[in-house]
PDB file of N, CA and C in Angstrom:
ATOM      1  N   MET A   1     -12.415  -7.871  -0.537  1.00  0.00           N
ATOM      2  CA  MET A   1     -10.570  -7.124  -0.718  1.00  0.00           C
ATOM      3  C   MET A   1     -10.149  -8.578  -0.349  1.00  0.00           C
ATOM      4  N   ASN A   2      -8.979  -8.760  -1.277  1.00  0.00           N
ATOM      5  CA  ASN A   2      -8.119 -10.347  -1.204  1.00  0.00           C
ATOM      6  C   ASN A   2      -7.480  -9.594   0.081  1.00  0.00           C
ATOM      7  N   ASP A   3      -6.402 -10.868   0.471  1.00  0.00           N
ATOM      8  CA  ASP A   3      -5.191 -10.613   1.551  1.00  0.00           C
ATOM      9  C   ASP A   3      -4.204 -11.158   1.282  1.00  0.00           C
ATOM     10  N   GLY A   4      -3.436 -10.731  -0.143  1.00  0.00           N
ATOM     11  CA  GLY A   4      -1.956 -11.351  -0.713  1.00  0.00           C
ATOM     12  C   GLY A   4      -2.768 -11.352  -1.530  1.00  0.00           C
ATOM     13  N   GLY A   5      -3.611 -12.302  -2.664  1.00  0.00           N
ATOM     14  CA  GLY A   5      -4.086 -12.856  -3.936  1.00  0.00           C
ATOM     15  C   GLY A   5      -3.591 -12.397  -4.789  1.00  0.00           C
ATOM     16  N   ALA A   6      -3.366 -12.925  -5.641  1.00  0.00           N
ATOM     17  CA  ALA A   6      -2.770 -12.113  -7.370  1.00  0.00           C
ATOM     18  C   ALA A   6      -3.105 -10.913  -8.005  1.00  0.00           C
ATOM     19  N   PRO A   7      -2.625  -9.717  -7.838  1.00  0.00           N
ATOM     20  CA  PRO A   7      -3.302  -8.650  -8.344  1.00  0.00           C
ATOM     21  C   PRO A   7      -4.487  -8.899  -9.386  1.00  0.00           C
ATOM     22  N   VAL A   8      -5.096  -8.243 -10.068  1.00  0.00           N
ATOM     23  CA  VAL A   8      -5.976  -8.024 -10.897  1.00  0.00           C
ATOM     24  C   VAL A   8      -4.184  -7.494 -12.354  1.00  0.00           C
ATOM     25  N   GLU A   9      -4.291  -7.525 -13.479  1.00  0.00           N
ATOM     26  CA  GLU A   9      -3.182  -6.875 -13.965  1.00  0.00           C
ATOM     27  C   GLU A   9      -3.759  -7.018 -15.442  1.00  0.00           C
ATOM     28  N   GLU A  10      -3.324  -4.644 -15.759  1.00  0.00           N
ATOM     29  CA  GLU A  10      -3.570  -4.569 -17.289  1.00  0.00           C
ATOM     30  C   GLU A  10      -2.756  -4.591 -17.336  1.00  0.00           C
ATOM     31  N   THR A  11      -2.891  -4.691 -18.595  1.00  0.00           N
ATOM     32  CA  THR A  11      -1.592  -4.687 -19.794  1.00  0.00           C
ATOM     33  C   THR A  11      -1.066  -3.239 -20.268  1.00  0.00           C
ATOM     34  N   VAL A  12       0.010  -2.878 -20.620  1.00  0.00           N
ATOM     35  CA  VAL A  12       0.124  -1.348 -21.539  1.00  0.00           C
ATOM     36  C   VAL A  12       1.108  -2.436 -22.596  1.00  0.00           C
ATOM     37  N   GLU A  13       0.965  -2.360 -23.668  1.00  0.00           N
ATOM     38  CA  GLU A  13       1.497  -3.076 -24.675  1.00  0.00           C
ATOM     39  C   GLU A  13       1.964  -4.321 -23.922  1.00  0.00           C
ATOM     40  N   GLY A  14       1.416  -5.259 -23.914  1.00  0.00           N
ATOM     41  CA  GLY A  14       2.120  -6.295 -23.111  1.00  0.00           C
ATOM     42  C   GLY A  14       2.991  -6.311 -21.975  1.00  0.00           C
ATOM     43  N   THR A  15       3.135  -5.477 -21.280  1.00  0.00           N
ATOM     44  CA  THR A  15       4.049  -5.052 -19.966  1.00  0.00           C
ATOM     45  C   THR A  15       2.760  -4.868 -18.564  1.00  0.00           C
ATOM     46  N   PRO A  16       2.756  -5.809 -17.739  1.00  0.00           N
ATOM     47  CA  PRO A  16       1.869  -5.401 -16.897  1.00  0.00           C
ATOM     48  C   PRO A  16       2.110  -3.808 -16.284  1.00  0.00           C
ATOM     49  N   VAL A  17       0.965  -3.580 -15.527  1.00  0.00           N
ATOM     50  CA  VAL A  17       1.244  -2.237 -14.981  1.00  0.00           C
ATOM     51  C   VAL A  17       0.759  -3.043 -13.560  1.00  0.00           C
ATOM     52  N   ARG A  18       1.895  -2.105 -12.742  1.00  0.00           N
ATOM     53  CA  ARG A  18       1.659  -2.106 -11.151  1.00  0.00           C
ATOM     54  C   ARG A  18       1.779  -0.935 -10.376  1.00  0.00           C
ATOM     55  N   THR A  19       1.258  -0.651  -9.452  1.00  0.00           N
ATOM     56  CA  THR A  19       1.340   0.282  -8.360  1.00  0.00           C
ATOM     57  C   THR A  19       2.807   0.188  -8.034  1.00  0.00           C
ATOM     58  N   GLY A  20       2.727   1.834  -7.390  1.00  0.00           N
ATOM     59  CA  GLY A  20       4.449   2.136  -6.532  1.00  0.00           C
ATOM     60  C   GLY A  20       3.904   1.524  -5.420  1.00  0.00           C
ATOM     61  N   LEU A  21       2.888   0.911  -4.789  1.00  0.00           N
ATOM     62  CA  LEU A  21       3.057   0.349  -3.696  1.00  0.00           C
ATOM     63  C   LEU A  21       3.985  -0.772  -4.052  1.00  0.00           C
ATOM     64  N   GLU A  22       3.236  -1.997  -5.466  1.00  0.00           N
ATOM     65  CA  GLU A  22       3.774  -2.923  -5.959  1.00  0.00           C
ATOM     66  C   GLU A  22       4.946  -3.036  -6.074  1.00  0.00           C
ATOM     67  N   VAL A  23       5.271  -2.096  -6.846  1.00  0.00           N
ATOM     68  CA  VAL A  23       7.036  -1.705  -6.951  1.00  0.00           C
ATOM     69  C   VAL A  23       7.366  -1.382  -5.950  1.00  0.00           C
ATOM     70  N   LEU A  24       7.476  -1.233  -4.964  1.00  0.00           N
ATOM     71  CA  LEU A  24       8.050  -0.661  -3.557  1.00  0.00           C
ATOM     72  C   LEU A  24       8.176  -2.550  -2.668  1.00  0.00           C
ATOM     73  N   LEU A  25       7.036  -2.960  -2.808  1.00  0.00           N
ATOM     74  CA  LEU A  25       7.088  -4.167  -1.423  1.00  0.00           C
ATOM     75  C   LEU A  25       8.214  -5.337  -2.955  1.00  0.00           C
ATOM     76  N   ALA A  26       7.867  -5.422  -3.696  1.00  0.00           N
ATOM     77  CA  ALA A  26       8.767  -6.101  -4.930  1.00  0.00           C
ATOM     78  C   ALA A  26      10.350  -6.404  -4.838  1.00  0.00           C
ATOM     79  N   ARG A  27      10.526  -4.808  -4.648  1.00  0.00           N
ATOM     80  CA  ARG A  27      12.005  -4.426  -4.540  1.00  0.00           C
ATOM     81  C   ARG A  27      12.039  -4.846  -2.910  1.00  0.00           C
ATOM     82  N   GLY A  28      11.608  -3.932  -2.988  1.00  0.00           N
ATOM     83  CA  GLY A  28      11.875  -4.917  -0.769  1.00  0.00           C
ATOM     84  C   GLY A  28      12.608  -3.491  -0.177  1.00  0.00           C
ATOM     85  N   PRO A  29      12.472  -3.350   1.454  1.00  0.00           N
ATOM     86  CA  PRO A  29      13.213  -2.177   2.043  1.00  0.00           C
ATOM     87  C   PRO A  29      14.079  -1.607   1.508  1.00  0.00           C
ATOM     88  N   GLY A  30      15.121  -2.114   1.080  1.00  0.00           N
ATOM     89  CA  GLY A  30      16.710  -1.470   0.837  1.00  0.00           C
ATOM     90  C   GLY A  30      16.790  -0.432   1.640  1.00  0.00           C
ATOM     91  N   ASP A  31      16.411   1.116   1.539  1.00  0.00           N
ATOM     92  CA  ASP A  31      16.968   1.968   2.133  1.00  0.00           C
ATOM     93  C   ASP A  31      15.914   2.049   3.227  1.00  0.00           C
ATOM     94  N   LEU A  32      14.858   1.493   3.021  1.00  0.00           N
ATOM     95  CA  LEU A  32      13.646   2.022   4.061  1.00  0.00           C
ATOM     96  C   LEU A  32      14.067   1.503   5.121  1.00  0.00           C
ATOM     97  N   ALA A  33      14.699  -0.287   5.573  1.00  0.00           N
ATOM     98  CA  ALA A  33      15.081  -1.165   6.238  1.00  0.00           C
ATOM     99  C   ALA A  33      15.620  -0.857   7.399  1.00  0.00           C
ATOM    100  N   GLY A  34      14.860  -0.836   8.648  1.00  0.00           N
ATOM    101  CA  GLY A  34      15.764  -0.437  10.099  1.00  0.00           C
ATOM    102  C   GLY A  34      14.677   0.538  10.469  1.00  0.00           C
ATOM    103  N   LYS A  35      14.047   1.613   9.766  1.00  0.00           N
ATOM    104  CA  LYS A  35      13.280   2.789   9.469  1.00  0.00           C
ATOM    105  C   LYS A  35      11.914   3.145   9.948  1.00  0.00           C
ATOM    106  N   ARG A  36      11.795   3.774  10.077  1.00  0.00           N
ATOM    107  CA  ARG A  36      10.119   3.929  10.611  1.00  0.00           C
ATOM    108  C   ARG A  36       9.532   4.918   9.931  1.00  0.00           C
ATOM    109  N   ILE A  37       8.104   4.029   9.266  1.00  0.00           N
ATOM    110  CA  ILE A  37       7.665   4.485   8.464  1.00  0.00           C
ATOM    111  C   ILE A  37       6.424   5.099   8.386  1.00  0.00           C
ATOM    112  N   GLY A  38       6.350   6.112   7.814  1.00  0.00           N
ATOM    113  CA  GLY A  38       4.747   6.785   8.096  1.00  0.00           C
ATOM    114  C   GLY A  38       4.008   6.825   6.352  1.00  0.00           C
ATOM    115  N   LEU A  39       3.216   6.464   6.250  1.00  0.00           N
ATOM    116  CA  LEU A  39       1.704   6.984   5.416  1.00  0.00           C
ATOM    117  C   LEU A  39       1.158   8.054   5.076  1.00  0.00           C
ATOM    118  N   LEU A  40       0.900   8.836   4.326  1.00  0.00           N
ATOM    119  CA  LEU A  40       0.209   9.113   3.839  1.00  0.00           C
ATOM    120  C   LEU A  40      -0.732   8.606   3.135  1.00  0.00           C
ATOM    121  N   SER A  41      -2.058   8.409   3.502  1.00  0.00           N
ATOM    122  CA  SER A  41      -3.136   7.888   2.651  1.00  0.00           C
ATOM    123  C   SER A  41      -4.562   8.097   2.458  1.00  0.00           C
ATOM    124  N   HIS A  42      -5.241   6.838   1.903  1.00  0.00           N
ATOM    125  CA  HIS A  42      -6.545   7.301   1.912  1.00  0.00           C
ATOM    126  C   HIS A  42      -7.132   6.202   1.827  1.00  0.00           C
ATOM    127  N   ALA A  43      -8.637   5.679   1.807  1.00  0.00           N
ATOM    128  CA  ALA A  43      -9.474   4.540   1.274  1.00  0.00           C
ATOM    129  C   ALA A  43      -9.361   3.884  -0.200  1.00  0.00           C
ATOM    130  N   ALA A  44      -8.961   4.779  -0.825  1.00  0.00           N
ATOM    131  CA  ALA A  44      -8.758   4.056  -2.195  1.00  0.00           C
ATOM    132  C   ALA A  44      -7.156   3.995  -2.818  1.00  0.00           C
ATOM    133  N   ALA A  45      -6.356   4.304  -1.434  1.00  0.00           N
ATOM    134  CA  ALA A  45      -4.838   3.701  -1.606  1.00  0.00           C
ATOM    135  C   ALA A  45      -5.210   1.919  -1.865  1.00  0.00           C
ATOM    136  N   VAL A  46      -4.784   1.121  -3.081  1.00  0.00           N
ATOM    137  CA  VAL A  46      -4.871   0.184  -2.905  1.00  0.00           C
ATOM    138  C   VAL A  46      -3.672  -0.415  -3.980  1.00  0.00           C
ATOM    139  N   ASP A  47      -3.392  -1.568  -3.915  1.00  0.00           N
ATOM    140  CA  ASP A  47      -2.811  -2.765  -4.689  1.00  0.00           C
ATOM    141  C   ASP A  47      -3.609  -3.129  -5.908  1.00  0.00           C
ATOM    142  N   GLY A  48      -2.994  -4.097  -6.906  1.00  0.00           N
ATOM    143  CA  GLY A  48      -3.762  -3.981  -7.448  1.00  0.00           C
ATOM    144  C   GLY A  48      -4.958  -5.219  -7.755  1.00  0.00           C
ATOM    145  N   ALA A  49      -4.615  -6.293  -6.432  1.00  0.00           N
ATOM    146  CA  ALA A  49      -5.561  -6.820  -6.255  1.00  0.00           C
ATOM    147  C   ALA A  49      -6.819  -6.238  -4.868  1.00  0.00           C
ATOM    148  N   LEU A  50      -7.156  -5.293  -5.236  1.00  0.00           N
ATOM    149  CA  LEU A  50      -7.514  -3.888  -3.716  1.00  0.00           C
ATOM    150  C   LEU A  50      -7.563  -4.254  -2.662  1.00  0.00           C
ATOM    151  N   ASN A  51      -5.725  -4.326  -2.176  1.00  0.00           N
ATOM    152  CA  ASN A  51      -5.780  -4.460  -0.316  1.00  0.00           C
ATOM    153  C   ASN A  51      -5.279  -3.537  -0.576  1.00  0.00           C
ATOM    154  N   PRO A  52      -5.761  -2.579   1.063  1.00  0.00           N
ATOM    155  CA  PRO A  52      -5.112  -1.520   1.293  1.00  0.00           C
ATOM    156  C   PRO A  52      -4.141  -1.222   1.490  1.00  0.00           C
ATOM    157  N   ALA A  53      -2.931  -0.239   0.875  1.00  0.00           N
ATOM    158  CA  ALA A  53      -1.515   0.267   1.179  1.00  0.00           C
ATOM    159  C   ALA A  53      -1.147  -0.234   2.820  1.00  0.00           C
ATOM    160  N   ALA A  54      -2.149   0.402   3.783  1.00  0.00           N
ATOM    161  CA  ALA A  54      -1.536   0.162   5.155  1.00  0.00           C
ATOM    162  C   ALA A  54      -1.160  -1.146   5.450  1.00  0.00           C
ATOM    163  N   ARG A  55      -2.233  -1.909   5.228  1.00  0.00           N
ATOM    164  CA  ARG A  55      -2.662  -3.374   5.222  1.00  0.00           C
ATOM    165  C   ARG A  55      -1.226  -3.879   4.314  1.00  0.00           C
ATOM    166  N   ARG A  56      -0.950  -3.994   3.460  1.00  0.00           N
ATOM    167  CA  ARG A  56      -0.164  -4.683   2.666  1.00  0.00           C
ATOM    168  C   ARG A  56       1.455  -3.763   2.969  1.00  0.00           C
ATOM    169  N   LEU A  57       2.075  -2.903   3.651  1.00  0.00           N
ATOM    170  CA  LEU A  57       2.943  -2.478   4.329  1.00  0.00           C
ATOM    171  C   LEU A  57       3.420  -2.748   5.288  1.00  0.00           C
ATOM    172  N   LEU A  58       1.630  -3.072   6.510  1.00  0.00           N
ATOM    173  CA  LEU A  58       2.393  -3.772   7.987  1.00  0.00           C
ATOM    174  C   LEU A  58       2.367  -4.357   7.490  1.00  0.00           C
ATOM    175  N   ARG A  59       2.249  -5.883   6.662  1.00  0.00           N
ATOM    176  CA  ARG A  59       2.473  -7.237   6.715  1.00  0.00           C
ATOM    177  C   ARG A  59       3.824  -7.724   5.955  1.00  0.00           C
ATOM    178  N   ALA A  60       4.060  -6.323   5.254  1.00  0.00           N
ATOM    179  CA  ALA A  60       5.260  -6.889   4.799  1.00  0.00           C
ATOM    180  C   ALA A  60       6.924  -6.974   5.441  1.00  0.00           C
ATOM    181  N   PRO A  61       7.485  -8.176   5.363  1.00  0.00           N
ATOM    182  CA  PRO A  61       8.809  -8.142   6.058  1.00  0.00           C
ATOM    183  C   PRO A  61       9.228  -6.882   5.648  1.00  0.00           C
ATOM    184  N   GLY A  62      10.926  -6.486   6.577  1.00  0.00           N
ATOM    185  CA  GLY A  62      10.658  -5.163   6.096  1.00  0.00           C
ATOM    186  C   GLY A  62      11.013  -4.052   6.707  1.00  0.00           C
ATOM    187  N   PHE A  63       9.373  -4.153   6.787  1.00  0.00           N
ATOM    188  CA  PHE A  63       9.067  -2.512   6.759  1.00  0.00           C
ATOM    189  C   PHE A  63       8.345  -2.574   8.117  1.00  0.00           C
ATOM    190  N   THR A  64       8.729  -0.905   8.846  1.00  0.00           N
ATOM    191  CA  THR A  64       8.129  -0.745   9.827  1.00  0.00           C
ATOM    192  C   THR A  64       7.259   0.487  10.321  1.00  0.00           C
ATOM    193  N   LEU A  65       5.948  -0.061   9.248  1.00  0.00           N
ATOM    194  CA  LEU A  65       4.872   1.157   9.531  1.00  0.00           C
ATOM    195  C   LEU A  65       4.343   2.390  10.751  1.00  0.00           C
ATOM    196  N   THR A  66       4.694   3.143  11.382  1.00  0.00           N
ATOM    197  CA  THR A  66       4.643   3.085  12.962  1.00  0.00           C
ATOM    198  C   THR A  66       3.246   4.436  12.539  1.00  0.00           C
ATOM    199  N   THR A  67       3.166   5.020  11.631  1.00  0.00           N
ATOM    200  CA  THR A  67       2.376   6.340  11.131  1.00  0.00           C
ATOM    201  C   THR A  67       1.636   6.035  10.296  1.00  0.00           C
ATOM    202  N   LEU A  68       0.027   6.443  10.419  1.00  0.00           N
ATOM    203  CA  LEU A  68      -0.610   6.433   9.417  1.00  0.00           C
ATOM    204  C   LEU A  68      -1.053   7.983   9.181  1.00  0.00           C
ATOM    205  N   PHE A  69      -0.909   9.093   8.238  1.00  0.00           N
ATOM    206  CA  PHE A  69      -1.734   9.890   8.252  1.00  0.00           C
ATOM    207  C   PHE A  69      -2.866   9.735   6.913  1.00  0.00           C
ATOM    208  N   ALA A  70      -4.149  10.729   7.675  1.00  0.00           N
ATOM    209  CA  ALA A  70      -5.179  10.128   6.646  1.00  0.00           C
ATOM    210  C   ALA A  70      -6.229  11.677   6.461  1.00  0.00           C
ATOM    211  N   PRO A  71      -6.841  11.869   5.836  1.00  0.00           N
ATOM    212  CA  PRO A  71      -7.525  12.682   5.558  1.00  0.00           C
ATOM    213  C   PRO A  71      -8.495  13.013   6.593  1.00  0.00           C
ATOM    214  N   GLU A  72      -9.094  14.259   6.598  1.00  0.00           N
ATOM    215  CA  GLU A  72      -9.826  14.537   7.660  1.00  0.00           C
ATOM    216  C   GLU A  72     -11.533  13.631   8.254  1.00  0.00           C
ATOM    217  N   HIS A  73     -11.642  13.212   7.301  1.00  0.00           N
ATOM    218  CA  HIS A  73     -12.494  12.523   8.012  1.00  0.00           C
ATOM    219  C   HIS A  73     -12.264  10.560   8.106  1.00  0.00           C
ATOM    220  N   GLY A  74     -10.643  10.725   8.681  1.00  0.00           N
ATOM    221  CA  GLY A  74     -10.230   9.104   8.374  1.00  0.00           C
ATOM    222  C   GLY A  74     -10.099   8.427   7.326  1.00  0.00           C
ATOM    223  N   LEU A  75      -9.072   7.489   7.590  1.00  0.00           N
ATOM    224  CA  LEU A  75      -8.750   6.348   6.737  1.00  0.00           C
ATOM    225  C   LEU A  75      -9.426   6.153   6.038  1.00  0.00           C
ATOM    226  N   ALA A  76     -10.949   5.302   6.838  1.00  0.00           N
ATOM    227  CA  ALA A  76     -11.933   4.926   5.770  1.00  0.00           C
ATOM    228  C   ALA A  76     -12.591   5.922   5.141  1.00  0.00           C
ATOM    229  N   GLY A  77     -12.586   7.526   5.648  1.00  0.00           N
ATOM    230  CA  GLY A  77     -13.703   8.222   5.473  1.00  0.00           C
ATOM    231  C   GLY A  77     -15.438   8.009   6.031  1.00  0.00           C
ATOM    232  N   ALA A  78     -14.988   7.151   7.235  1.00  0.00           N
ATOM    233  CA  ALA A  78     -16.088   7.272   8.160  1.00  0.00           C
ATOM    234  C   ALA A  78     -16.330   8.158   9.060  1.00  0.00           C
ATOM    235  N   ALA A  79     -15.311   9.147   9.772  1.00  0.00           N
ATOM    236  CA  ALA A  79     -15.443   9.861  10.721  1.00  0.00           C
ATOM    237  C   ALA A  79     -16.308  11.540  10.303  1.00  0.00           C
ATOM    238  N   GLN A  80     -17.061  11.712  11.335  1.00  0.00           N
ATOM    239  CA  GLN A  80     -17.373  13.197  11.118  1.00  0.00           C
ATOM    240  C   GLN A  80     -16.482  14.399  10.974  1.00  0.00           C
ATOM    241  N   ALA A  81     -16.832  15.427  10.114  1.00  0.00           N
ATOM    242  CA  ALA A  81     -15.493  16.661  10.095  1.00  0.00           C
ATOM    243  C   ALA A  81     -15.859  17.249  11.325  1.00  0.00           C
TER     244      ALA A  81
END
């Protein structure tokens, strides 16, 4: 996984495709500034450079990620049911 590396950009009719996470981070926290954020996620939730969504939000300025909600087997899918 990259740590902040350039995303892999696919295009649709010449327009770069970005994940919702990438759009959120590019726009900044806006109304989320100063609020505690919970993220419902799983291991496949990544940005275009394959960085995990939780890691990106934890490191992004202006966002305060306080809680992770994950599937029964854990965020990485390694826990026993």
